[in-house]
Protein backbone atom coordinates (compact mmCIF):
# COMPACT_ATOMS: atom_id res chain seq x y z
CA UNK A 1 -241.74 49.25 -38.86
CA UNK A 2 -244.31 51.61 -40.41
CA UNK A 3 -243.06 54.00 -43.09
CA UNK A 4 -242.61 57.61 -42.07
CA UNK A 5 -244.67 60.27 -43.79
CA UNK A 6 -243.53 63.85 -44.13
CA UNK A 7 -245.69 66.85 -44.76
CA UNK A 8 -243.68 69.51 -46.54
CA UNK A 9 -244.88 72.88 -47.75
CA UNK A 10 -242.62 75.25 -49.62
CA UNK A 11 -243.12 78.85 -50.61
CA UNK A 12 -240.72 80.21 -53.19
CA UNK A 13 -240.24 83.69 -54.58
CA UNK A 14 -238.06 84.54 -57.52
CA UNK A 15 -237.00 87.69 -59.33
CA UNK A 16 -235.74 86.05 -62.54
CA UNK A 17 -238.11 84.09 -64.75
CA UNK A 18 -237.42 80.49 -63.83
CA UNK A 19 -238.71 79.12 -67.14
CA UNK A 20 -236.00 81.12 -68.95
CA UNK A 21 -233.38 79.75 -66.55
CA UNK A 22 -234.57 76.20 -67.31
CA UNK A 23 -234.05 76.84 -71.02
CA UNK A 24 -230.45 77.94 -70.42
CA UNK A 25 -229.76 75.04 -68.05
CA UNK A 26 -229.36 77.24 -64.97
CA UNK A 27 -232.41 75.84 -63.13
CA UNK A 28 -233.72 72.29 -62.84
CA UNK A 29 -236.82 71.49 -64.92
CA UNK A 30 -238.13 68.95 -62.37
CA UNK A 31 -237.88 71.47 -59.54
CA UNK A 32 -239.77 74.09 -61.55
CA UNK A 33 -242.50 71.51 -62.21
CA UNK A 34 -242.90 70.92 -58.47
CA UNK A 35 -242.89 74.62 -57.65
CA UNK A 36 -245.63 75.34 -60.18
CA UNK A 37 -248.30 73.40 -58.30
CA UNK A 38 -249.84 76.75 -57.39
CA UNK A 39 -248.41 79.84 -59.00
CA UNK A 40 -249.38 83.31 -57.80
CA UNK A 41 -247.98 86.37 -59.55
CA UNK A 42 -248.05 89.49 -57.40
CA UNK A 43 -247.03 92.85 -58.86
CA UNK A 44 -244.51 94.98 -56.93
CA UNK A 45 -245.89 97.33 -54.26
CA UNK A 46 -244.85 100.36 -56.30
CA UNK A 47 -247.49 99.32 -58.87
CA UNK A 48 -250.25 98.67 -56.34
CA UNK A 49 -250.93 102.09 -54.84
CA UNK A 50 -252.61 101.84 -51.44
CA UNK A 51 -251.74 98.19 -50.77
CA UNK A 52 -248.67 99.26 -48.78
CA UNK A 53 -250.95 101.02 -46.28
CA UNK A 54 -252.96 97.79 -45.90
CA UNK A 55 -249.77 95.96 -44.98
CA UNK A 56 -249.14 98.50 -42.20
CA UNK A 57 -252.68 98.03 -40.86
CA UNK A 58 -252.29 94.24 -40.96
CA UNK A 59 -248.98 94.43 -39.09
CA UNK A 60 -250.44 96.74 -36.44
CA UNK A 61 -253.50 94.50 -36.00
CA UNK A 62 -251.30 91.44 -35.58
CA UNK A 63 -249.17 93.22 -32.96
CA UNK A 64 -252.28 94.33 -31.06
CA UNK A 65 -253.76 90.82 -30.99
CA UNK A 66 -250.48 89.23 -29.97
CA UNK A 67 -250.15 91.70 -27.08
CA UNK A 68 -253.78 91.24 -26.06
CA UNK A 69 -253.40 87.45 -25.89
CA UNK A 70 -249.88 87.67 -24.43
CA UNK A 71 -248.37 85.77 -27.37
CA UNK A 72 -244.69 85.86 -28.17
CA UNK A 73 -243.37 86.33 -31.66
CA UNK A 74 -241.95 82.99 -32.85
CA UNK A 75 -238.20 82.80 -33.21
CA UNK A 76 -236.86 82.84 -36.74
CA UNK A 77 -235.57 79.55 -38.02
CA UNK A 78 -231.81 79.42 -38.65
């Protein structure tokens, strides 16, 4: 039998600094290593001025295109 291959992608967001939690033993070092493959730091919306308006435009555009192409919003995973 051929071995099975899985393709897994994970997106993680965290309020506390995970590196500090690793130092205190509250977070696993190996898991932090795997999560840091690509690290993107995004400041809060309250610091970014007009970005919140762009999110509204993006949401409205997505709704328009979904309605135009008669697409249904995917169900949320449990």
